Amino acid sequence: MAKVLISIPDELLERVDREAHKRGDTRSGFLQHAAQRELGWPDPVAFDAALERGRAALAESGPFESAELIRTERDTRDVRDRRR
């Protein structure tokens, strides 16, 4: 694993350290996870779990009209967005 030297503002480093401590993580671990999230690299375990949840939901759903499902979801989201 590579090591890097970076410069960040003191206030930001303090926030990173506090959050890492709250999560029971190291500074390096916290920054690694933050970079992975920012770059769109999902945690493999979480990704696999999400896939399994999706597969289970589809297996239990039976046949459905996908266009109607998309319309309903879009309309619900639009109403929710207008409330903000």
PDB file of N, CA and C in Angstrom:
ATOM      1  N   MET A   1       0.846  -1.170   0.000  1.00  0.00           N
ATOM      2  CA  MET A   1       0.000   0.000   0.000  1.00  0.00           C
ATOM      3  C   MET A   1       0.896   1.239   0.000  1.00  0.00           C
ATOM      4  N   ALA A   2       0.527   2.226  -0.792  1.00  0.00           N
ATOM      5  CA  ALA A   2       1.311   3.456  -0.897  1.00  0.00           C
ATOM      6  C   ALA A   2       1.015   4.386   0.269  1.00  0.00           C
ATOM      7  N   LYS A   3       1.988   5.211   0.600  1.00  0.00           N
ATOM      8  CA  LYS A   3       1.805   6.269   1.593  1.00  0.00           C
ATOM      9  C   LYS A   3       1.898   7.592   0.855  1.00  0.00           C
ATOM     10  N   VAL A   4       1.076   8.570   1.287  1.00  0.00           N
ATOM     11  CA  VAL A   4       1.090   9.882   0.647  1.00  0.00           C
ATOM     12  C   VAL A   4       1.212  10.964   1.710  1.00  0.00           C
ATOM     13  N   LEU A   5       1.766  12.074   1.312  1.00  0.00           N
ATOM     14  CA  LEU A   5       1.868  13.245   2.177  1.00  0.00           C
ATOM     15  C   LEU A   5       0.987  14.316   1.557  1.00  0.00           C
ATOM     16  N   ILE A   6      -0.020  14.774   2.302  1.00  0.00           N
ATOM     17  CA  ILE A   6      -0.933  15.788   1.777  1.00  0.00           C
ATOM     18  C   ILE A   6      -0.990  16.969   2.738  1.00  0.00           C
ATOM     19  N   SER A   7      -1.403  18.098   2.214  1.00  0.00           N
ATOM     20  CA  SER A   7      -1.607  19.293   3.034  1.00  0.00           C
ATOM     21  C   SER A   7      -3.087  19.624   3.041  1.00  0.00           C
ATOM     22  N   ILE A   8      -3.652  19.757   4.250  1.00  0.00           N
ATOM     23  CA  ILE A   8      -5.045  20.180   4.381  1.00  0.00           C
ATOM     24  C   ILE A   8      -5.132  21.157   5.547  1.00  0.00           C
ATOM     25  N   PRO A   9      -6.124  22.023   5.538  1.00  0.00           N
ATOM     26  CA  PRO A   9      -6.263  22.998   6.621  1.00  0.00           C
ATOM     27  C   PRO A   9      -6.415  22.308   7.986  1.00  0.00           C
ATOM     28  N   ASP A  10      -5.885  22.956   9.022  1.00  0.00           N
ATOM     29  CA  ASP A  10      -5.938  22.392  10.372  1.00  0.00           C
ATOM     30  C   ASP A  10      -7.364  22.082  10.816  1.00  0.00           C
ATOM     31  N   GLU A  11      -8.297  22.995  10.525  1.00  0.00           N
ATOM     32  CA  GLU A  11      -9.688  22.779  10.934  1.00  0.00           C
ATOM     33  C   GLU A  11     -10.260  21.512  10.297  1.00  0.00           C
ATOM     34  N   LEU A  12      -9.945  21.301   9.041  1.00  0.00           N
ATOM     35  CA  LEU A  12     -10.437  20.111   8.353  1.00  0.00           C
ATOM     36  C   LEU A  12      -9.828  18.852   8.958  1.00  0.00           C
ATOM     37  N   LEU A  13      -8.554  18.902   9.256  1.00  0.00           N
ATOM     38  CA  LEU A  13      -7.893  17.750   9.865  1.00  0.00           C
ATOM     39  C   LEU A  13      -8.509  17.426  11.223  1.00  0.00           C
ATOM     40  N   GLU A  14      -8.839  18.452  11.995  1.00  0.00           N
ATOM     41  CA  GLU A  14      -9.490  18.233  13.289  1.00  0.00           C
ATOM     42  C   GLU A  14     -10.844  17.552  13.103  1.00  0.00           C
ATOM     43  N   ARG A  15     -11.600  17.990  12.094  1.00  0.00           N
ATOM     44  CA  ARG A  15     -12.901  17.362  11.815  1.00  0.00           C
ATOM     45  C   ARG A  15     -12.725  15.909  11.392  1.00  0.00           C
ATOM     46  N   VAL A  16     -11.727  15.664  10.545  1.00  0.00           N
ATOM     47  CA  VAL A  16     -11.444  14.296  10.099  1.00  0.00           C
ATOM     48  C   VAL A  16     -11.107  13.418  11.300  1.00  0.00           C
ATOM     49  N   ASP A  17     -10.235  13.914  12.165  1.00  0.00           N
ATOM     50  CA  ASP A  17      -9.830  13.130  13.333  1.00  0.00           C
ATOM     51  C   ASP A  17     -11.008  12.842  14.261  1.00  0.00           C
ATOM     52  N   ARG A  18     -11.858  13.852  14.494  1.00  0.00           N
ATOM     53  CA  ARG A  18     -13.031  13.650  15.361  1.00  0.00           C
ATOM     54  C   ARG A  18     -13.966  12.592  14.775  1.00  0.00           C
ATOM     55  N   GLU A  19     -14.225  12.713  13.484  1.00  0.00           N
ATOM     56  CA  GLU A  19     -15.147  11.772  12.839  1.00  0.00           C
ATOM     57  C   GLU A  19     -14.558  10.363  12.807  1.00  0.00           C
ATOM     58  N   ALA A  20     -13.281  10.252  12.509  1.00  0.00           N
ATOM     59  CA  ALA A  20     -12.633   8.935  12.502  1.00  0.00           C
ATOM     60  C   ALA A  20     -12.728   8.301  13.889  1.00  0.00           C
ATOM     61  N   HIS A  21     -12.483   9.090  14.920  1.00  0.00           N
ATOM     62  CA  HIS A  21     -12.558   8.584  16.288  1.00  0.00           C
ATOM     63  C   HIS A  21     -13.977   8.126  16.624  1.00  0.00           C
ATOM     64  N   LYS A  22     -14.976   8.941  16.229  1.00  0.00           N
ATOM     65  CA  LYS A  22     -16.375   8.576  16.474  1.00  0.00           C
ATOM     66  C   LYS A  22     -16.724   7.241  15.836  1.00  0.00           C
ATOM     67  N   ARG A  23     -16.154   6.984  14.676  1.00  0.00           N
ATOM     68  CA  ARG A  23     -16.459   5.754  13.935  1.00  0.00           C
ATOM     69  C   ARG A  23     -15.553   4.592  14.322  1.00  0.00           C
ATOM     70  N   GLY A  24     -14.621   4.856  15.230  1.00  0.00           N
ATOM     71  CA  GLY A  24     -13.695   3.799  15.621  1.00  0.00           C
ATOM     72  C   GLY A  24     -12.707   3.455  14.529  1.00  0.00           C
ATOM     73  N   ASP A  25     -12.344   4.450  13.731  1.00  0.00           N
ATOM     74  CA  ASP A  25     -11.456   4.249  12.592  1.00  0.00           C
ATOM     75  C   ASP A  25     -10.191   5.075  12.800  1.00  0.00           C
ATOM     76  N   THR A  26      -9.191   4.803  12.001  1.00  0.00           N
ATOM     77  CA  THR A  26      -7.989   5.630  12.005  1.00  0.00           C
ATOM     78  C   THR A  26      -8.180   6.783  11.027  1.00  0.00           C
ATOM     79  N   ARG A  27      -7.313   7.763  11.129  1.00  0.00           N
ATOM     80  CA  ARG A  27      -7.348   8.870  10.169  1.00  0.00           C
ATOM     81  C   ARG A  27      -7.172   8.328   8.753  1.00  0.00           C
ATOM     82  N   SER A  28      -6.184   7.460   8.565  1.00  0.00           N
ATOM     83  CA  SER A  28      -5.936   6.899   7.230  1.00  0.00           C
ATOM     84  C   SER A  28      -7.134   6.108   6.729  1.00  0.00           C
ATOM     85  N   GLY A  29      -7.712   5.303   7.604  1.00  0.00           N
ATOM     86  CA  GLY A  29      -8.878   4.518   7.213  1.00  0.00           C
ATOM     87  C   GLY A  29     -10.049   5.396   6.829  1.00  0.00           C
ATOM     88  N   PHE A  30     -10.274   6.439   7.633  1.00  0.00           N
ATOM     89  CA  PHE A  30     -11.373   7.359   7.341  1.00  0.00           C
ATOM     90  C   PHE A  30     -11.163   8.037   5.987  1.00  0.00           C
ATOM     91  N   LEU A  31      -9.951   8.542   5.745  1.00  0.00           N
ATOM     92  CA  LEU A  31      -9.671   9.215   4.473  1.00  0.00           C
ATOM     93  C   LEU A  31      -9.745   8.241   3.299  1.00  0.00           C
ATOM     94  N   GLN A  32      -9.339   7.005   3.510  1.00  0.00           N
ATOM     95  CA  GLN A  32      -9.445   5.998   2.447  1.00  0.00           C
ATOM     96  C   GLN A  32     -10.907   5.764   2.094  1.00  0.00           C
ATOM     97  N   HIS A  33     -11.755   5.595   3.103  1.00  0.00           N
ATOM     98  CA  HIS A  33     -13.183   5.384   2.840  1.00  0.00           C
ATOM     99  C   HIS A  33     -13.824   6.614   2.202  1.00  0.00           C
ATOM    100  N   ALA A  34     -13.425   7.802   2.652  1.00  0.00           N
ATOM    101  CA  ALA A  34     -13.973   9.030   2.067  1.00  0.00           C
ATOM    102  C   ALA A  34     -13.594   9.132   0.588  1.00  0.00           C
ATOM    103  N   ALA A  35     -12.352   8.802   0.268  1.00  0.00           N
ATOM    104  CA  ALA A  35     -11.913   8.843  -1.132  1.00  0.00           C
ATOM    105  C   ALA A  35     -12.670   7.809  -1.965  1.00  0.00           C
ATOM    106  N   GLN A  36     -12.877   6.630  -1.405  1.00  0.00           N
ATOM    107  CA  GLN A  36     -13.622   5.600  -2.133  1.00  0.00           C
ATOM    108  C   GLN A  36     -15.051   6.051  -2.406  1.00  0.00           C
ATOM    109  N   ARG A  37     -15.700   6.652  -1.401  1.00  0.00           N
ATOM    110  CA  ARG A  37     -17.067   7.145  -1.612  1.00  0.00           C
ATOM    111  C   ARG A  37     -17.083   8.250  -2.658  1.00  0.00           C
ATOM    112  N   GLU A  38     -16.140   9.164  -2.571  1.00  0.00           N
ATOM    113  CA  GLU A  38     -16.089  10.284  -3.517  1.00  0.00           C
ATOM    114  C   GLU A  38     -15.868   9.790  -4.942  1.00  0.00           C
ATOM    115  N   LEU A  39     -15.060   8.758  -5.082  1.00  0.00           N
ATOM    116  CA  LEU A  39     -14.739   8.226  -6.405  1.00  0.00           C
ATOM    117  C   LEU A  39     -15.736   7.174  -6.874  1.00  0.00           C
ATOM    118  N   GLY A  40     -16.715   6.871  -6.040  1.00  0.00           N
ATOM    119  CA  GLY A  40     -17.738   5.920  -6.436  1.00  0.00           C
ATOM    120  C   GLY A  40     -17.319   4.470  -6.318  1.00  0.00           C
ATOM    121  N   TRP A  41     -16.391   4.180  -5.452  1.00  0.00           N
ATOM    122  CA  TRP A  41     -15.954   2.810  -5.236  1.00  0.00           C
ATOM    123  C   TRP A  41     -16.718   2.257  -4.050  1.00  0.00           C
ATOM    124  N   PRO A  42     -17.711   1.425  -4.288  1.00  0.00           N
ATOM    125  CA  PRO A  42     -18.482   0.911  -3.156  1.00  0.00           C
ATOM    126  C   PRO A  42     -17.702  -0.133  -2.364  1.00  0.00           C
ATOM    127  N   ASP A  43     -18.045  -0.230  -1.113  1.00  0.00           N
ATOM    128  CA  ASP A  43     -17.516  -1.289  -0.266  1.00  0.00           C
ATOM    129  C   ASP A  43     -18.018  -2.613  -0.844  1.00  0.00           C
ATOM    130  N   PRO A  44     -17.135  -3.545  -1.158  1.00  0.00           N
ATOM    131  CA  PRO A  44     -17.565  -4.789  -1.797  1.00  0.00           C
ATOM    132  C   PRO A  44     -18.621  -5.544  -0.993  1.00  0.00           C
ATOM    133  N   VAL A  45     -18.500  -5.548   0.318  1.00  0.00           N
ATOM    134  CA  VAL A  45     -19.476  -6.251   1.153  1.00  0.00           C
ATOM    135  C   VAL A  45     -20.835  -5.565   1.054  1.00  0.00           C
ATOM    136  N   ALA A  46     -20.845  -4.229   1.159  1.00  0.00           N
ATOM    137  CA  ALA A  46     -22.102  -3.482   1.057  1.00  0.00           C
ATOM    138  C   ALA A  46     -22.702  -3.633  -0.340  1.00  0.00           C
ATOM    139  N   PHE A  47     -21.856  -3.621  -1.345  1.00  0.00           N
ATOM    140  CA  PHE A  47     -22.318  -3.768  -2.721  1.00  0.00           C
ATOM    141  C   PHE A  47     -22.990  -5.129  -2.917  1.00  0.00           C
ATOM    142  N   ASP A  48     -22.332  -6.186  -2.446  1.00  0.00           N
ATOM    143  CA  ASP A  48     -22.908  -7.528  -2.567  1.00  0.00           C
ATOM    144  C   ASP A  48     -24.217  -7.640  -1.790  1.00  0.00           C
ATOM    145  N   ALA A  49     -24.270  -7.034  -0.613  1.00  0.00           N
ATOM    146  CA  ALA A  49     -25.498  -7.070   0.189  1.00  0.00           C
ATOM    147  C   ALA A  49     -26.633  -6.349  -0.533  1.00  0.00           C
ATOM    148  N   ALA A  50     -26.326  -5.214  -1.154  1.00  0.00           N
ATOM    149  CA  ALA A  50     -27.345  -4.467  -1.899  1.00  0.00           C
ATOM    150  C   ALA A  50     -27.848  -5.283  -3.090  1.00  0.00           C
ATOM    151  N   LEU A  51     -26.938  -5.953  -3.774  1.00  0.00           N
ATOM    152  CA  LEU A  51     -27.345  -6.815  -4.889  1.00  0.00           C
ATOM    153  C   LEU A  51     -28.266  -7.930  -4.417  1.00  0.00           C
ATOM    154  N   GLU A  52     -27.923  -8.538  -3.310  1.00  0.00           N
ATOM    155  CA  GLU A  52     -28.755  -9.621  -2.783  1.00  0.00           C
ATOM    156  C   GLU A  52     -30.138  -9.113  -2.382  1.00  0.00           C
ATOM    157  N   ARG A  53     -30.204  -7.928  -1.755  1.00  0.00           N
ATOM    158  CA  ARG A  53     -31.503  -7.351  -1.395  1.00  0.00           C
ATOM    159  C   ARG A  53     -32.327  -7.092  -2.648  1.00  0.00           C
ATOM    160  N   GLY A  54     -31.691  -6.582  -3.681  1.00  0.00           N
ATOM    161  CA  GLY A  54     -32.394  -6.322  -4.933  1.00  0.00           C
ATOM    162  C   GLY A  54     -32.884  -7.597  -5.588  1.00  0.00           C
ATOM    163  N   ARG A  55     -32.036  -8.602  -5.609  1.00  0.00           N
ATOM    164  CA  ARG A  55     -32.440  -9.890  -6.193  1.00  0.00           C
ATOM    165  C   ARG A  55     -33.609 -10.499  -5.421  1.00  0.00           C
ATOM    166  N   ALA A  56     -33.552 -10.418  -4.094  1.00  0.00           N
ATOM    167  CA  ALA A  56     -34.635 -10.971  -3.273  1.00  0.00           C
ATOM    168  C   ALA A  56     -35.936 -10.219  -3.529  1.00  0.00           C
ATOM    169  N   ALA A  57     -35.850  -8.900  -3.621  1.00  0.00           N
ATOM    170  CA  ALA A  57     -37.054  -8.101  -3.874  1.00  0.00           C
ATOM    171  C   ALA A  57     -37.650  -8.446  -5.231  1.00  0.00           C
ATOM    172  N   LEU A  58     -36.809  -8.606  -6.232  1.00  0.00           N
ATOM    173  CA  LEU A  58     -37.309  -8.964  -7.561  1.00  0.00           C
ATOM    174  C   LEU A  58     -37.903 -10.367  -7.584  1.00  0.00           C
ATOM    175  N   ALA A  59     -37.281 -11.286  -6.871  1.00  0.00           N
ATOM    176  CA  ALA A  59     -37.787 -12.660  -6.852  1.00  0.00           C
ATOM    177  C   ALA A  59     -39.172 -12.728  -6.216  1.00  0.00           C
ATOM    178  N   GLU A  60     -39.415 -11.863  -5.231  1.00  0.00           N
ATOM    179  CA  GLU A  60     -40.697 -11.864  -4.524  1.00  0.00           C
ATOM    180  C   GLU A  60     -41.759 -11.016  -5.214  1.00  0.00           C
ATOM    181  N   SER A  61     -41.365 -10.199  -6.167  1.00  0.00           N
ATOM    182  CA  SER A  61     -42.299  -9.224  -6.731  1.00  0.00           C
ATOM    183  C   SER A  61     -43.242  -9.802  -7.778  1.00  0.00           C
ATOM    184  N   GLY A  62     -42.842 -10.850  -8.443  1.00  0.00           N
ATOM    185  CA  GLY A  62     -43.672 -11.378  -9.517  1.00  0.00           C
ATOM    186  C   GLY A  62     -43.654 -10.431 -10.704  1.00  0.00           C
ATOM    187  N   PRO A  63     -44.507 -10.678 -11.698  1.00  0.00           N
ATOM    188  CA  PRO A  63     -44.520  -9.806 -12.882  1.00  0.00           C
ATOM    189  C   PRO A  63     -45.105  -8.434 -12.543  1.00  0.00           C
ATOM    190  N   PHE A  64     -44.601  -7.411 -13.213  1.00  0.00           N
ATOM    191  CA  PHE A  64     -45.106  -6.056 -13.002  1.00  0.00           C
ATOM    192  C   PHE A  64     -44.846  -5.227 -14.246  1.00  0.00           C
ATOM    193  N   GLU A  65     -45.573  -4.129 -14.367  1.00  0.00           N
ATOM    194  CA  GLU A  65     -45.421  -3.205 -15.493  1.00  0.00           C
ATOM    195  C   GLU A  65     -44.349  -2.186 -15.115  1.00  0.00           C
ATOM    196  N   SER A  66     -43.166  -2.317 -15.694  1.00  0.00           N
ATOM    197  CA  SER A  66     -42.039  -1.474 -15.296  1.00  0.00           C
ATOM    198  C   SER A  66     -42.265  -0.001 -15.612  1.00  0.00           C
ATOM    199  N   ALA A  67     -42.885   0.319 -16.731  1.00  0.00           N
ATOM    200  CA  ALA A  67     -43.110   1.731 -17.080  1.00  0.00           C
ATOM    201  C   ALA A  67     -44.008   2.397 -16.046  1.00  0.00           C
ATOM    202  N   GLU A  68     -45.032   1.703 -15.594  1.00  0.00           N
ATOM    203  CA  GLU A  68     -45.936   2.259 -14.578  1.00  0.00           C
ATOM    204  C   GLU A  68     -45.202   2.454 -13.254  1.00  0.00           C
ATOM    205  N   LEU A  69     -44.353   1.513 -12.908  1.00  0.00           N
ATOM    206  CA  LEU A  69     -43.562   1.623 -11.686  1.00  0.00           C
ATOM    207  C   LEU A  69     -42.649   2.846 -11.744  1.00  0.00           C
ATOM    208  N   ILE A  70     -42.006   3.056 -12.873  1.00  0.00           N
ATOM    209  CA  ILE A  70     -41.113   4.205 -13.047  1.00  0.00           C
ATOM    210  C   ILE A  70     -41.903   5.506 -12.972  1.00  0.00           C
ATOM    211  N   ARG A  71     -43.066   5.565 -13.622  1.00  0.00           N
ATOM    212  CA  ARG A  71     -43.907   6.771 -13.567  1.00  0.00           C
ATOM    213  C   ARG A  71     -44.309   7.099 -12.130  1.00  0.00           C
ATOM    214  N   THR A  72     -44.747   6.095 -11.404  1.00  0.00           N
ATOM    215  CA  THR A  72     -45.172   6.302 -10.020  1.00  0.00           C
ATOM    216  C   THR A  72     -44.016   6.809  -9.170  1.00  0.00           C
ATOM    217  N   GLU A  73     -42.858   6.196  -9.303  1.00  0.00           N
ATOM    218  CA  GLU A  73     -41.682   6.612  -8.532  1.00  0.00           C
ATOM    219  C   GLU A  73     -41.275   8.035  -8.895  1.00  0.00           C
ATOM    220  N   ARG A  74     -41.292   8.362 -10.176  1.00  0.00           N
ATOM    221  CA  ARG A  74     -40.938   9.706 -10.631  1.00  0.00           C
ATOM    222  C   ARG A  74     -41.917  10.735 -10.078  1.00  0.00           C
ATOM    223  N   ASP A  75     -43.210  10.435 -10.151  1.00  0.00           N
ATOM    224  CA  ASP A  75     -44.219  11.370  -9.655  1.00  0.00           C
ATOM    225  C   ASP A  75     -44.094  11.581  -8.151  1.00  0.00           C
ATOM    226  N   THR A  76     -43.818  10.514  -7.416  1.00  0.00           N
ATOM    227  CA  THR A  76     -43.623  10.620  -5.968  1.00  0.00           C
ATOM    228  C   THR A  76     -42.422  11.500  -5.664  1.00  0.00           C
ATOM    229  N   ARG A  77     -41.347  11.301  -6.399  1.00  0.00           N
ATOM    230  CA  ARG A  77     -40.136  12.098  -6.193  1.00  0.00           C
ATOM    231  C   ARG A  77     -40.397  13.560  -6.530  1.00  0.00           C
ATOM    232  N   ASP A  78     -41.133  13.814  -7.617  1.00  0.00           N
ATOM    233  CA  ASP A  78     -41.438  15.191  -8.013  1.00  0.00           C
ATOM    234  C   ASP A  78     -42.251  15.905  -6.944  1.00  0.00           C
ATOM    235  N   VAL A  79     -43.239  15.232  -6.373  1.00  0.00           N
ATOM    236  CA  VAL A  79     -44.052  15.833  -5.305  1.00  0.00           C
ATOM    237  C   VAL A  79     -43.179  16.124  -4.097  1.00  0.00           C
ATOM    238  N   ARG A  80     -42.324  15.187  -3.738  1.00  0.00           N
ATOM    239  CA  ARG A  80     -41.425  15.362  -2.595  1.00  0.00           C
ATOM    240  C   ARG A  80     -40.479  16.536  -2.837  1.00  0.00           C
ATOM    241  N   ASP A  81     -39.947  16.667  -4.052  1.00  0.00           N
ATOM    242  CA  ASP A  81     -39.021  17.757  -4.375  1.00  0.00           C
ATOM    243  C   ASP A  81     -39.710  19.113  -4.317  1.00  0.00           C
ATOM    244  N   ARG A  82     -40.979  19.176  -4.697  1.00  0.00           N
ATOM    245  CA  ARG A  82     -41.707  20.450  -4.661  1.00  0.00           C
ATOM    246  C   ARG A  82     -41.938  20.932  -3.245  1.00  0.00           C
ATOM    247  N   ARG A  83     -41.946  20.023  -2.283  1.00  0.00           N
ATOM    248  CA  ARG A  83     -42.165  20.392  -0.882  1.00  0.00           C
ATOM    249  C   ARG A  83     -40.946  21.056  -0.269  1.00  0.00           C
ATOM    250  N   ARG A  84     -39.790  20.887  -0.852  1.00  0.00           N
ATOM    251  CA  ARG A  84     -38.544  21.438  -0.278  1.00  0.00           C
ATOM    252  C   ARG A  84     -38.441  22.901  -0.476  1.00  0.00           C
TER     253      ARG A  84
END
